[in-house]
Protein backbone atom coordinates (compact mmCIF):
# COMPACT_ATOMS: atom_id res chain seq x y z
CA MET A 1 0.10 -0.01 -0.05
CA LYS A 2 1.31 3.45 -0.94
CA THR A 3 1.96 5.98 1.80
CA PRO A 4 -0.85 8.57 1.74
CA LEU A 5 -0.08 12.06 0.43
CA GLY A 6 -1.09 13.63 3.80
CA VAL A 7 1.33 11.47 5.54
CA ARG A 8 4.36 12.43 3.31
CA ILE A 9 3.33 16.29 3.60
CA LEU A 10 3.19 15.99 7.40
CA ALA A 11 6.51 14.13 7.39
CA VAL A 12 8.28 16.99 5.41
CA ILE A 13 6.68 19.62 7.71
CA GLN A 14 7.97 17.72 10.80
CA ILE A 15 11.29 17.40 9.42
CA ILE A 16 11.61 21.11 8.62
CA TYR A 17 10.09 22.24 11.95
CA GLY A 18 12.22 19.76 14.13
CA SER A 19 15.43 20.82 12.28
CA VAL A 20 14.88 24.49 12.82
CA VAL A 21 14.12 23.91 16.49
CA ALA A 22 17.12 21.57 17.05
CA LEU A 23 19.41 24.00 15.34
CA VAL A 24 18.20 27.16 16.84
CA GLN A 25 18.20 25.76 20.36
CA GLY A 26 21.37 23.73 19.90
CA LEU A 27 23.42 26.63 18.50
CA ASN A 28 21.86 29.33 20.74
CA GLY A 29 22.21 27.17 23.90
CA ASN A 30 22.16 30.15 26.36
CA ILE A 31 23.06 27.97 29.39
CA GLY A 32 22.67 29.87 32.60
CA LEU A 33 20.04 32.25 31.05
CA GLN A 34 17.04 33.05 33.40
CA GLU A 35 13.61 32.41 31.84
CA SER A 36 10.12 32.46 33.11
CA ILE A 37 7.94 29.44 32.29
CA CYS A 38 4.45 28.49 33.13
CA THR A 39 3.15 25.03 33.39
CA PRO A 40 0.02 23.64 34.95
CA ILE A 41 1.69 21.43 37.54
CA ARG A 42 4.55 23.69 38.59
CA GLY A 43 2.81 27.10 37.93
CA CYS A 44 4.72 30.18 36.79
CA GLY A 45 8.27 30.75 37.90
CA GLY A 46 11.77 31.48 36.97
CA ILE A 47 14.27 28.77 35.72
CA THR A 48 17.83 28.79 34.88
CA VAL A 49 18.37 27.11 31.40
CA THR A 50 20.33 24.09 32.19
CA TYR A 51 21.94 21.31 29.99
CA GLN A 52 19.07 19.07 30.84
CA TYR A 53 16.47 21.54 29.92
CA LEU A 54 18.26 22.36 26.58
CA LEU A 55 18.84 18.66 25.87
CA PHE A 56 15.07 18.02 26.50
CA VAL A 57 14.17 20.69 24.13
CA VAL A 58 16.68 19.74 21.39
CA ILE A 59 15.78 15.99 21.52
CA VAL A 60 12.08 15.93 22.31
CA ILE A 61 10.89 19.08 20.47
CA GLY A 62 13.59 19.04 17.77
CA LEU A 63 15.00 15.69 16.84
CA ILE A 64 11.99 13.36 17.52
CA PRO A 65 9.88 15.06 14.93
CA VAL A 66 12.89 14.94 12.45
CA ILE A 67 13.48 11.23 13.15
CA GLY A 68 9.63 10.44 13.08
CA GLY A 69 9.20 12.24 9.82
CA PHE A 70 12.08 10.42 8.10
CA GLY A 71 10.68 7.32 9.33
CA MET A 72 7.13 8.05 8.01
CA LEU A 73 8.75 8.91 4.69
CA LEU A 74 10.50 5.55 4.71
CA LYS A 75 7.08 3.93 5.65
CA LYS A 76 8.37 2.61 8.92
CA THR A 77 6.05 1.79 11.76
CA TRP A 78 8.45 3.31 14.29
CA GLY A 79 8.24 6.57 12.35
CA TRP A 80 4.48 6.56 12.62
CA TRP A 81 4.77 5.83 16.43
CA MET A 82 7.27 8.58 17.03
CA SER A 83 5.26 11.10 15.09
CA THR A 84 1.93 10.32 16.72
CA GLY A 85 3.66 10.13 20.14
CA TYR A 86 5.11 13.63 19.55
CA LEU A 87 1.75 14.89 18.47
CA SER A 88 0.10 13.36 21.63
CA TYR A 89 2.65 15.03 23.69
CA LEU A 90 1.90 18.36 22.15
CA LEU A 91 -1.91 17.95 22.53
CA LEU A 92 -1.52 16.98 26.22
CA SER A 93 0.73 20.06 26.72
CA GLU A 94 -1.69 22.47 25.16
CA VAL A 95 -4.61 21.03 26.97
CA GLY A 96 -2.61 21.57 30.21
CA ASN A 97 -1.98 25.16 29.11
CA VAL A 98 -5.69 25.69 28.68
CA ILE A 99 -6.50 24.23 32.03
CA ASP A 100 -3.79 26.37 33.54
CA ALA A 101 -5.38 29.54 31.84
CA LEU A 102 -8.54 28.80 33.75
CA PHE A 103 -6.76 29.30 37.05
CA ARG A 104 -4.47 32.19 35.68
CA PRO A 105 -6.77 34.67 33.72
CA SER A 106 -3.91 36.60 32.52
CA THR A 107 -2.63 33.71 30.49
CA SER A 108 -3.72 33.72 26.82
CA VAL A 109 -5.66 30.69 25.69
CA ASP A 110 -6.33 31.56 22.10
CA ILE A 111 -3.09 30.12 20.75
CA SER A 112 -3.49 26.92 22.73
CA LEU A 113 -6.96 26.28 21.51
CA PHE A 114 -5.81 26.78 17.97
CA TYR A 115 -2.74 24.34 18.59
CA ILE A 116 -5.31 22.02 20.14
CA LEU A 117 -7.52 22.12 17.01
CA ILE A 118 -4.59 21.62 14.58
CA VAL A 119 -2.76 18.90 16.52
CA GLY A 120 -6.03 17.20 17.30
CA LEU A 121 -6.96 17.09 13.53
CA LEU A 122 -3.44 15.75 12.66
CA LEU A 123 -3.75 12.97 15.13
CA LEU A 124 -7.19 12.09 13.95
CA TYR A 125 -5.81 11.82 10.56
CA LEU A 126 -2.82 9.68 11.61
CA LEU A 127 -5.20 7.36 13.46
CA LYS A 128 -7.39 6.70 10.43
CA ASP A 129 -7.63 3.10 9.43
CA ARG A 130 -6.16 3.87 5.88
CA VAL A 131 -3.02 5.44 7.53
CA THR A 132 -2.46 3.00 10.29
CA HIS A 133 -2.95 0.03 7.77
CA SER A 134 -0.39 1.81 5.68
CA PHE A 135 2.21 1.63 8.44
CA GLU A 136 0.97 -1.79 9.43
CA VAL A 137 -0.02 -0.88 12.94
CA MET A 138 -1.85 -3.91 14.01
CA ILE A 139 -3.08 -3.17 17.45
CA SER A 140 -6.57 -1.88 18.43
CA ARG A 141 -7.48 1.75 18.38
CA SER A 142 -7.96 1.66 22.21
CA LYS A 143 -4.42 0.28 22.84
CA MET A 144 -3.08 2.83 20.48
CA ILE A 145 -4.51 5.68 22.15
CA ALA A 146 -3.60 4.06 25.68
CA TRP A 147 0.12 3.75 24.64
CA LEU A 148 0.13 7.34 23.10
CA PHE A 149 -1.51 8.78 26.11
CA GLY A 150 1.00 6.94 28.45
CA ALA A 151 3.99 8.19 26.38
CA ALA A 152 2.74 11.78 26.43
CA VAL A 153 2.22 11.74 30.15
CA SER A 154 5.66 10.22 30.64
CA VAL A 155 7.33 12.95 28.60
CA TRP A 156 5.23 15.70 30.23
CA ILE A 157 6.18 14.54 33.72
CA LEU A 158 9.97 14.40 32.61
CA TYR A 159 9.58 17.99 31.42
CA GLU A 160 8.08 19.02 34.80
CA VAL A 161 10.97 17.31 36.57
CA ILE A 162 13.54 19.06 34.50
CA LEU A 163 12.00 22.49 35.02
CA PHE A 164 11.69 21.75 38.78
CA SER A 165 15.36 20.93 38.94
CA SER A 166 16.08 24.09 37.04
CA SER A 167 13.94 26.41 39.11
CA VAL A 168 15.52 29.62 40.47
């Protein structure tokens, strides 16, 4: 079965996006820089950019979409899993931002709602039978969603731990 055109387009977008993030963050390092970051679990607070934080951003936000994109272009099942796992993490993160905005009215929710819509539609597309059959993903939809949700929660908790250890 031929890889659907939408998958190929998404794969190329992921490769470009991830490459830009990895290069900008990797080359612009700013170790020791003070930043303010808000998350639903830890709230808003200052952090010092540490190697762990920078490594997380470069690998999870940069390299995983690149590798997943290349995997999807090569029609590899692991590429599909990496891409859907990455999108699941983004969706969970943005849902957390919306929930956070309910308790901190000064936080803007418009961008997060837009991201939720876009990422949700991309995930629905990648979970379609035609796409999953193309990548030979042979587990039930409920198990797929459980695995993706578990991976997203794990990465989100790792991010929170890294931020907590980098707190000012």
